């Protein structure tokens, strides 16, 4: 039996589970809110074209209205000024959309500190216990934040001082971008950076360093608690929008059971 036949057979009999890491996309999907004078994306919506009526008697379909960075989505390097000469979302090589993944779980620490920032030593401690970060793979950063994903206010967790969501320190973001072999970073929050990232140096360091290094971001993931620490494979499928800085994506994980 060929390798592909073995894979499809294993998916069919359940010995490889397909775990959906994608949040449902609807008008209630939380979106990033930048302060004035910066522009913001729109909420996702459907505009009905016809629904078995005189506009189209046998078919139902819609136009969709959305931003590139709405819901579970894929950040391409060109999304950030440091990656402005890099790939747009249509230019990401298909072979890079399927990759190994590891899960670094700090949900217990975030429960007591929503502004928690991952440090280099946290990742080094993780690798000592679990092995190296995957060559050409994803680091999936589990914070437990997906439990808030049905509520915009709880998800952004903002007050007069700004948003309070977990993320990664500037030093760790630079190190992940420049010193590790990962393909990209996946998170459960609205973006790859912490809510307090505007005040870091540089601001939004995950965007700045990772996209500047030609790496990728996946955001608003869910079900990371259903993945093993290592051994899963991730399939991330953005729309190939020509000139696009990113795209909503269906993100799946393959897990041996």
C-alpha atoms as a PDB file:
ATOM      1  CA  UNK A   1       0.000   0.000   0.000  1.00  0.00           C
ATOM      2  CA  UNK A   2       1.351   3.439  -0.925  1.00  0.00           C
ATOM      3  CA  UNK A   3       2.058   6.048   1.733  1.00  0.00           C
ATOM      4  CA  UNK A   4      -0.906   8.122   0.579  1.00  0.00           C
ATOM      5  CA  UNK A   5      -3.186   5.103   0.638  1.00  0.00           C
ATOM      6  CA  UNK A   6      -2.006   4.311   4.175  1.00  0.00           C
ATOM      7  CA  UNK A   7      -2.713   7.891   5.222  1.00  0.00           C
ATOM      8  CA  UNK A   8      -6.226   8.017   3.784  1.00  0.00           C
ATOM      9  CA  UNK A   9      -7.011   4.577   5.204  1.00  0.00           C
ATOM     10  CA  UNK A  10      -5.818   5.672   8.657  1.00  0.00           C
ATOM     11  CA  UNK A  11      -7.989   8.791   8.486  1.00  0.00           C
ATOM     12  CA  UNK A  12     -10.918   6.647   7.394  1.00  0.00           C
ATOM     13  CA  UNK A  13     -10.618   4.163  10.262  1.00  0.00           C
ATOM     14  CA  UNK A  14      -9.885   6.831  12.879  1.00  0.00           C
ATOM     15  CA  UNK A  15      -6.359   5.781  13.711  1.00  0.00           C
ATOM     16  CA  UNK A  16      -5.418   9.262  12.521  1.00  0.00           C
ATOM     17  CA  UNK A  17      -7.833  11.845  13.908  1.00  0.00           C
ATOM     18  CA  UNK A  18      -8.508  15.090  12.069  1.00  0.00           C
ATOM     19  CA  UNK A  19      -8.801  17.875  14.663  1.00  0.00           C
ATOM     20  CA  UNK A  20     -10.281  21.165  13.493  1.00  0.00           C
ATOM     21  CA  UNK A  21      -8.284  24.081  14.896  1.00  0.00           C
ATOM     22  CA  UNK A  22     -10.512  26.657  13.194  1.00  0.00           C
ATOM     23  CA  UNK A  23     -12.988  28.954  14.934  1.00  0.00           C
ATOM     24  CA  UNK A  24     -16.377  29.238  13.152  1.00  0.00           C
ATOM     25  CA  UNK A  25     -16.557  32.369  11.031  1.00  0.00           C
ATOM     26  CA  UNK A  26     -19.649  34.531  11.533  1.00  0.00           C
ATOM     27  CA  UNK A  27     -20.764  38.076  12.246  1.00  0.00           C
ATOM     28  CA  UNK A  28     -19.998  37.344  15.925  1.00  0.00           C
ATOM     29  CA  UNK A  29     -16.343  36.461  15.306  1.00  0.00           C
ATOM     30  CA  UNK A  30     -14.139  38.783  17.404  1.00  0.00           C
ATOM     31  CA  UNK A  31     -11.959  41.197  15.451  1.00  0.00           C
ATOM     32  CA  UNK A  32      -8.965  43.313  16.343  1.00  0.00           C
ATOM     33  CA  UNK A  33      -9.689  46.893  17.408  1.00  0.00           C
ATOM     34  CA  UNK A  34      -6.867  49.377  16.821  1.00  0.00           C
ATOM     35  CA  UNK A  35      -7.061  52.844  18.410  1.00  0.00           C
ATOM     36  CA  UNK A  36      -7.527  55.996  16.357  1.00  0.00           C
ATOM     37  CA  UNK A  37      -6.189  57.156  13.970  1.00  0.00           C
ATOM     38  CA  UNK A  38      -5.520  53.635  12.654  1.00  0.00           C
ATOM     39  CA  UNK A  39      -7.931  51.879  10.313  1.00  0.00           C
ATOM     40  CA  UNK A  40      -9.791  48.734  11.334  1.00  0.00           C
ATOM     41  CA  UNK A  41     -11.162  45.718   9.537  1.00  0.00           C
ATOM     42  CA  UNK A  42     -14.870  44.985   9.156  1.00  0.00           C
ATOM     43  CA  UNK A  43     -16.835  42.250  10.884  1.00  0.00           C
ATOM     44  CA  UNK A  44     -17.500  39.186   8.765  1.00  0.00           C
ATOM     45  CA  UNK A  45     -20.914  39.149   7.117  1.00  0.00           C
ATOM     46  CA  UNK A  46     -22.921  37.428   4.391  1.00  0.00           C
ATOM     47  CA  UNK A  47     -24.851  39.300   1.708  1.00  0.00           C
ATOM     48  CA  UNK A  48     -27.500  37.062   0.252  1.00  0.00           C
ATOM     49  CA  UNK A  49     -27.630  36.872  -3.537  1.00  0.00           C
ATOM     50  CA  UNK A  50     -30.518  34.405  -3.839  1.00  0.00           C
ATOM     51  CA  UNK A  51     -32.199  31.683  -1.803  1.00  0.00           C
ATOM     52  CA  UNK A  52     -34.510  29.490  -3.864  1.00  0.00           C
ATOM     53  CA  UNK A  53     -36.510  32.541  -4.959  1.00  0.00           C
ATOM     54  CA  UNK A  54     -37.053  34.733  -7.988  1.00  0.00           C
ATOM     55  CA  UNK A  55     -33.410  35.880  -7.789  1.00  0.00           C
ATOM     56  CA  UNK A  56     -32.357  32.242  -8.310  1.00  0.00           C
ATOM     57  CA  UNK A  57     -35.072  29.593  -8.040  1.00  0.00           C
ATOM     58  CA  UNK A  58     -32.911  26.515  -7.446  1.00  0.00           C
ATOM     59  CA  UNK A  59     -29.907  27.846  -5.612  1.00  0.00           C
ATOM     60  CA  UNK A  60     -28.742  29.628  -2.484  1.00  0.00           C
ATOM     61  CA  UNK A  61     -25.535  31.686  -2.397  1.00  0.00           C
ATOM     62  CA  UNK A  62     -23.971  34.758  -0.813  1.00  0.00           C
ATOM     63  CA  UNK A  63     -21.322  37.367  -1.228  1.00  0.00           C
ATOM     64  CA  UNK A  64     -18.980  37.415   1.743  1.00  0.00           C
ATOM     65  CA  UNK A  65     -17.663  40.576   3.382  1.00  0.00           C
ATOM     66  CA  UNK A  66     -14.551  40.097   5.469  1.00  0.00           C
ATOM     67  CA  UNK A  67     -11.059  41.313   6.178  1.00  0.00           C
ATOM     68  CA  UNK A  68      -7.970  39.275   5.414  1.00  0.00           C
ATOM     69  CA  UNK A  69      -7.177  39.081   9.137  1.00  0.00           C
ATOM     70  CA  UNK A  70     -10.575  38.040  10.483  1.00  0.00           C
ATOM     71  CA  UNK A  71     -11.167  34.920  12.537  1.00  0.00           C
ATOM     72  CA  UNK A  72      -8.732  32.041  12.234  1.00  0.00           C
ATOM     73  CA  UNK A  73      -6.295  33.408   9.690  1.00  0.00           C
ATOM     74  CA  UNK A  74      -2.844  33.124   8.141  1.00  0.00           C
ATOM     75  CA  UNK A  75      -0.367  36.043   8.215  1.00  0.00           C
ATOM     76  CA  UNK A  76       1.950  36.260   5.202  1.00  0.00           C
ATOM     77  CA  UNK A  77       5.333  38.046   5.468  1.00  0.00           C
ATOM     78  CA  UNK A  78       4.123  41.019   3.402  1.00  0.00           C
ATOM     79  CA  UNK A  79       1.590  41.800   6.156  1.00  0.00           C
ATOM     80  CA  UNK A  80       4.301  43.716   8.066  1.00  0.00           C
ATOM     81  CA  UNK A  81       6.690  46.424   6.971  1.00  0.00           C
ATOM     82  CA  UNK A  82       9.678  44.244   7.897  1.00  0.00           C
ATOM     83  CA  UNK A  83       8.453  41.637   5.396  1.00  0.00           C
ATOM     84  CA  UNK A  84       7.291  44.051   2.714  1.00  0.00           C
ATOM     85  CA  UNK A  85       9.544  42.405   0.102  1.00  0.00           C
ATOM     86  CA  UNK A  86       8.454  38.900   1.102  1.00  0.00           C
ATOM     87  CA  UNK A  87       5.691  36.597  -0.077  1.00  0.00           C
ATOM     88  CA  UNK A  88       2.087  37.652  -0.286  1.00  0.00           C
ATOM     89  CA  UNK A  89      -0.472  35.047   0.717  1.00  0.00           C
ATOM     90  CA  UNK A  90      -0.821  33.677  -2.830  1.00  0.00           C
ATOM     91  CA  UNK A  91       2.941  33.128  -3.025  1.00  0.00           C
ATOM     92  CA  UNK A  92       3.290  30.912   0.044  1.00  0.00           C
ATOM     93  CA  UNK A  93       4.599  27.599  -1.299  1.00  0.00           C
ATOM     94  CA  UNK A  94       1.967  24.819  -1.050  1.00  0.00           C
ATOM     95  CA  UNK A  95       4.483  22.442   0.544  1.00  0.00           C
ATOM     96  CA  UNK A  96       4.792  24.909   3.448  1.00  0.00           C
ATOM     97  CA  UNK A  97       1.057  24.640   4.202  1.00  0.00           C
ATOM     98  CA  UNK A  98       1.547  21.127   5.634  1.00  0.00           C
ATOM     99  CA  UNK A  99       4.052  20.884   8.459  1.00  0.00           C
ATOM    100  CA  UNK A 100       4.791  19.251  11.831  1.00  0.00           C
ATOM    101  CA  UNK A 101       3.695  21.023  14.993  1.00  0.00           C
ATOM    102  CA  UNK A 102       4.438  21.126  18.694  1.00  0.00           C
ATOM    103  CA  UNK A 103       2.302  22.591  21.472  1.00  0.00           C
ATOM    104  CA  UNK A 104       3.738  24.754  24.243  1.00  0.00           C
ATOM    105  CA  UNK A 105       1.068  25.063  26.930  1.00  0.00           C
ATOM    106  CA  UNK A 106       1.085  27.929  29.447  1.00  0.00           C
ATOM    107  CA  UNK A 107      -2.674  28.049  30.098  1.00  0.00           C
ATOM    108  CA  UNK A 108      -2.166  27.586  33.824  1.00  0.00           C
ATOM    109  CA  UNK A 109       0.098  30.658  33.994  1.00  0.00           C
ATOM    110  CA  UNK A 110      -2.191  32.789  31.828  1.00  0.00           C
ATOM    111  CA  UNK A 111      -5.145  31.945  34.090  1.00  0.00           C
ATOM    112  CA  UNK A 112      -3.463  34.020  36.789  1.00  0.00           C
ATOM    113  CA  UNK A 113      -1.966  36.675  34.509  1.00  0.00           C
ATOM    114  CA  UNK A 114      -3.707  37.629  31.243  1.00  0.00           C
ATOM    115  CA  UNK A 115      -0.697  39.804  30.324  1.00  0.00           C
ATOM    116  CA  UNK A 116       1.694  36.832  30.521  1.00  0.00           C
ATOM    117  CA  UNK A 117       4.617  37.021  28.075  1.00  0.00           C
ATOM    118  CA  UNK A 118       6.568  33.935  27.036  1.00  0.00           C
ATOM    119  CA  UNK A 119      10.316  34.248  27.583  1.00  0.00           C
ATOM    120  CA  UNK A 120      13.275  32.547  25.904  1.00  0.00           C
ATOM    121  CA  UNK A 121      13.968  30.493  29.043  1.00  0.00           C
ATOM    122  CA  UNK A 122      10.387  29.194  28.990  1.00  0.00           C
ATOM    123  CA  UNK A 123      10.961  27.782  25.512  1.00  0.00           C
ATOM    124  CA  UNK A 124      14.370  26.389  26.464  1.00  0.00           C
ATOM    125  CA  UNK A 125      12.842  24.664  29.483  1.00  0.00           C
ATOM    126  CA  UNK A 126      10.162  23.221  27.211  1.00  0.00           C
ATOM    127  CA  UNK A 127      12.748  21.852  24.768  1.00  0.00           C
ATOM    128  CA  UNK A 128      14.704  20.256  27.609  1.00  0.00           C
ATOM    129  CA  UNK A 129      11.568  18.346  28.608  1.00  0.00           C
ATOM    130  CA  UNK A 130      10.073  17.683  25.166  1.00  0.00           C
ATOM    131  CA  UNK A 131      12.814  17.817  22.552  1.00  0.00           C
ATOM    132  CA  UNK A 132      13.764  20.390  19.925  1.00  0.00           C
ATOM    133  CA  UNK A 133      11.432  22.716  18.089  1.00  0.00           C
ATOM    134  CA  UNK A 134      10.445  21.216  14.731  1.00  0.00           C
ATOM    135  CA  UNK A 135      12.507  21.987  11.657  1.00  0.00           C
ATOM    136  CA  UNK A 136      10.163  23.747   9.258  1.00  0.00           C
ATOM    137  CA  UNK A 137       7.243  23.293  11.632  1.00  0.00           C
ATOM    138  CA  UNK A 138       4.788  25.249  13.755  1.00  0.00           C
ATOM    139  CA  UNK A 139       5.135  26.316  17.362  1.00  0.00           C
ATOM    140  CA  UNK A 140       1.545  26.340  18.642  1.00  0.00           C
ATOM    141  CA  UNK A 141       1.267  28.503  21.742  1.00  0.00           C
ATOM    142  CA  UNK A 142      -1.599  27.354  23.968  1.00  0.00           C
ATOM    143  CA  UNK A 143      -2.835  29.910  26.497  1.00  0.00           C
ATOM    144  CA  UNK A 144      -6.434  28.746  27.007  1.00  0.00           C
ATOM    145  CA  UNK A 145      -7.627  31.986  25.408  1.00  0.00           C
ATOM    146  CA  UNK A 146      -9.871  30.147  22.936  1.00  0.00           C
ATOM    147  CA  UNK A 147     -12.368  29.678  25.791  1.00  0.00           C
ATOM    148  CA  UNK A 148     -13.199  33.376  25.316  1.00  0.00           C
ATOM    149  CA  UNK A 149     -13.573  33.247  21.534  1.00  0.00           C
ATOM    150  CA  UNK A 150     -17.375  33.515  21.447  1.00  0.00           C
ATOM    151  CA  UNK A 151     -17.365  36.908  23.199  1.00  0.00           C
ATOM    152  CA  UNK A 152     -15.660  39.944  21.634  1.00  0.00           C
ATOM    153  CA  UNK A 153     -15.364  41.809  24.930  1.00  0.00           C
ATOM    154  CA  UNK A 154     -13.891  38.885  26.860  1.00  0.00           C
ATOM    155  CA  UNK A 155     -11.641  37.941  23.935  1.00  0.00           C
ATOM    156  CA  UNK A 156     -10.046  41.390  23.586  1.00  0.00           C
ATOM    157  CA  UNK A 157     -10.129  41.924  27.389  1.00  0.00           C
ATOM    158  CA  UNK A 158      -9.599  45.675  27.109  1.00  0.00           C
ATOM    159  CA  UNK A 159      -9.819  48.524  29.585  1.00  0.00           C
ATOM    160  CA  UNK A 160      -8.748  52.165  29.589  1.00  0.00           C
ATOM    161  CA  UNK A 161      -5.082  51.087  29.506  1.00  0.00           C
ATOM    162  CA  UNK A 162      -5.504  48.829  26.482  1.00  0.00           C
ATOM    163  CA  UNK A 163      -5.996  45.150  25.720  1.00  0.00           C
ATOM    164  CA  UNK A 164      -4.816  42.482  28.163  1.00  0.00           C
ATOM    165  CA  UNK A 165      -4.104  39.252  26.310  1.00  0.00           C
ATOM    166  CA  UNK A 166      -1.113  36.899  26.530  1.00  0.00           C
ATOM    167  CA  UNK A 167       1.735  36.801  24.072  1.00  0.00           C
ATOM    168  CA  UNK A 168       5.490  36.644  23.636  1.00  0.00           C
ATOM    169  CA  UNK A 169       8.221  38.988  24.824  1.00  0.00           C
ATOM    170  CA  UNK A 170      10.196  41.016  22.287  1.00  0.00           C
ATOM    171  CA  UNK A 171      13.383  39.123  23.121  1.00  0.00           C
ATOM    172  CA  UNK A 172      11.681  35.761  22.679  1.00  0.00           C
ATOM    173  CA  UNK A 173      10.039  36.818  19.417  1.00  0.00           C
ATOM    174  CA  UNK A 174      13.420  37.839  17.992  1.00  0.00           C
ATOM    175  CA  UNK A 175      14.979  34.567  19.156  1.00  0.00           C
ATOM    176  CA  UNK A 176      12.184  32.453  17.662  1.00  0.00           C
ATOM    177  CA  UNK A 177      12.527  34.316  14.375  1.00  0.00           C
ATOM    178  CA  UNK A 178      16.311  34.319  14.116  1.00  0.00           C
ATOM    179  CA  UNK A 179      17.596  31.387  16.165  1.00  0.00           C
ATOM    180  CA  UNK A 180      15.057  28.577  15.792  1.00  0.00           C
ATOM    181  CA  UNK A 181      14.047  26.429  12.790  1.00  0.00           C
ATOM    182  CA  UNK A 182      10.287  26.916  13.094  1.00  0.00           C
ATOM    183  CA  UNK A 183       8.149  27.798  10.079  1.00  0.00           C
ATOM    184  CA  UNK A 184       5.813  29.978  12.091  1.00  0.00           C
ATOM    185  CA  UNK A 185       3.862  30.678  15.249  1.00  0.00           C
ATOM    186  CA  UNK A 186       0.248  29.731  15.954  1.00  0.00           C
ATOM    187  CA  UNK A 187      -1.788  31.340  18.752  1.00  0.00           C
ATOM    188  CA  UNK A 188      -5.313  31.362  20.185  1.00  0.00           C
ATOM    189  CA  UNK A 189      -5.547  35.144  20.537  1.00  0.00           C
ATOM    190  CA  UNK A 190      -6.737  37.746  18.004  1.00  0.00           C
ATOM    191  CA  UNK A 191      -3.191  38.220  16.700  1.00  0.00           C
ATOM    192  CA  UNK A 192       0.243  36.709  17.196  1.00  0.00           C
ATOM    193  CA  UNK A 193       1.233  39.561  19.518  1.00  0.00           C
ATOM    194  CA  UNK A 194       0.132  40.238  23.077  1.00  0.00           C
ATOM    195  CA  UNK A 195      -2.498  42.830  23.872  1.00  0.00           C
ATOM    196  CA  UNK A 196       0.243  44.990  25.378  1.00  0.00           C
ATOM    197  CA  UNK A 197       2.493  44.668  22.319  1.00  0.00           C
ATOM    198  CA  UNK A 198       2.198  48.345  21.261  1.00  0.00           C
ATOM    199  CA  UNK A 199       4.290  49.230  24.316  1.00  0.00           C
ATOM    200  CA  UNK A 200       7.039  46.661  23.631  1.00  0.00           C
ATOM    201  CA  UNK A 201      10.322  47.428  21.852  1.00  0.00           C
ATOM    202  CA  UNK A 202       9.810  47.109  18.966  1.00  0.00           C
ATOM    203  CA  UNK A 203       6.018  47.351  18.997  1.00  0.00           C
ATOM    204  CA  UNK A 204       4.311  44.152  17.833  1.00  0.00           C
ATOM    205  CA  UNK A 205       7.548  42.124  17.961  1.00  0.00           C
ATOM    206  CA  UNK A 206       6.069  38.830  16.719  1.00  0.00           C
ATOM    207  CA  UNK A 207       4.843  40.548  13.576  1.00  0.00           C
ATOM    208  CA  UNK A 208       8.073  42.500  13.197  1.00  0.00           C
ATOM    209  CA  UNK A 209      10.573  39.690  13.731  1.00  0.00           C
ATOM    210  CA  UNK A 210       8.768  36.575  12.484  1.00  0.00           C
ATOM    211  CA  UNK A 211       7.251  38.071   9.338  1.00  0.00           C
ATOM    212  CA  UNK A 212      10.485  39.943   8.703  1.00  0.00           C
ATOM    213  CA  UNK A 213      12.288  36.594   8.769  1.00  0.00           C
ATOM    214  CA  UNK A 214       9.933  35.155   6.143  1.00  0.00           C
ATOM    215  CA  UNK A 215       8.006  33.124   8.710  1.00  0.00           C
ATOM    216  CA  UNK A 216       4.237  32.938   9.206  1.00  0.00           C
ATOM    217  CA  UNK A 217       1.512  33.481  11.767  1.00  0.00           C
ATOM    218  CA  UNK A 218      -1.680  31.568  12.522  1.00  0.00           C
ATOM    219  CA  UNK A 219      -4.194  33.207  14.831  1.00  0.00           C
ATOM    220  CA  UNK A 220      -7.450  32.534  16.657  1.00  0.00           C
ATOM    221  CA  UNK A 221      -6.823  28.797  16.811  1.00  0.00           C
ATOM    222  CA  UNK A 222      -8.894  26.499  18.996  1.00  0.00           C
ATOM    223  CA  UNK A 223      -8.741  22.910  20.279  1.00  0.00           C
ATOM    224  CA  UNK A 224      -4.997  23.002  20.914  1.00  0.00           C
ATOM    225  CA  UNK A 225      -5.754  21.096  24.122  1.00  0.00           C
ATOM    226  CA  UNK A 226      -6.669  18.111  21.915  1.00  0.00           C
ATOM    227  CA  UNK A 227      -3.191  17.905  20.400  1.00  0.00           C
ATOM    228  CA  UNK A 228      -0.151  16.059  21.760  1.00  0.00           C
ATOM    229  CA  UNK A 229       2.872  18.036  22.870  1.00  0.00           C
ATOM    230  CA  UNK A 230       4.582  16.854  19.693  1.00  0.00           C
ATOM    231  CA  UNK A 231       3.743  14.537  16.812  1.00  0.00           C
ATOM    232  CA  UNK A 232       0.813  16.333  15.152  1.00  0.00           C
ATOM    233  CA  UNK A 233       0.871  17.598  11.570  1.00  0.00           C
ATOM    234  CA  UNK A 234      -0.888  20.852  10.684  1.00  0.00           C
ATOM    235  CA  UNK A 235      -2.609  21.668   7.407  1.00  0.00           C
ATOM    236  CA  UNK A 236      -3.167  25.425   7.057  1.00  0.00           C
ATOM    237  CA  UNK A 237      -5.196  26.423   3.990  1.00  0.00           C
ATOM    238  CA  UNK A 238      -5.514  30.156   3.301  1.00  0.00           C
ATOM    239  CA  UNK A 239      -7.147  31.552   0.181  1.00  0.00           C
ATOM    240  CA  UNK A 240      -4.483  32.382  -2.446  1.00  0.00           C
ATOM    241  CA  UNK A 241      -5.417  36.071  -2.664  1.00  0.00           C
ATOM    242  CA  UNK A 242      -3.116  37.720  -5.207  1.00  0.00           C
ATOM    243  CA  UNK A 243      -1.392  40.597  -3.439  1.00  0.00           C
ATOM    244  CA  UNK A 244      -3.051  39.645  -0.164  1.00  0.00           C
ATOM    245  CA  UNK A 245      -1.383  40.183   3.200  1.00  0.00           C
ATOM    246  CA  UNK A 246      -3.221  37.247   4.756  1.00  0.00           C
ATOM    247  CA  UNK A 247      -6.400  35.230   4.579  1.00  0.00           C
ATOM    248  CA  UNK A 248      -8.996  33.486   6.691  1.00  0.00           C
ATOM    249  CA  UNK A 249      -7.941  29.849   6.793  1.00  0.00           C
ATOM    250  CA  UNK A 250      -9.218  26.385   7.611  1.00  0.00           C
ATOM    251  CA  UNK A 251      -6.576  24.899   9.888  1.00  0.00           C
ATOM    252  CA  UNK A 252      -6.581  21.157  10.577  1.00  0.00           C
ATOM    253  CA  UNK A 253      -4.310  18.909  12.618  1.00  0.00           C
ATOM    254  CA  UNK A 254      -3.640  15.233  11.975  1.00  0.00           C
ATOM    255  CA  UNK A 255      -3.073  13.262  15.182  1.00  0.00           C
ATOM    256  CA  UNK A 256      -2.238   9.575  15.541  1.00  0.00           C
ATOM    257  CA  UNK A 257      -4.545   7.806  17.996  1.00  0.00           C
END
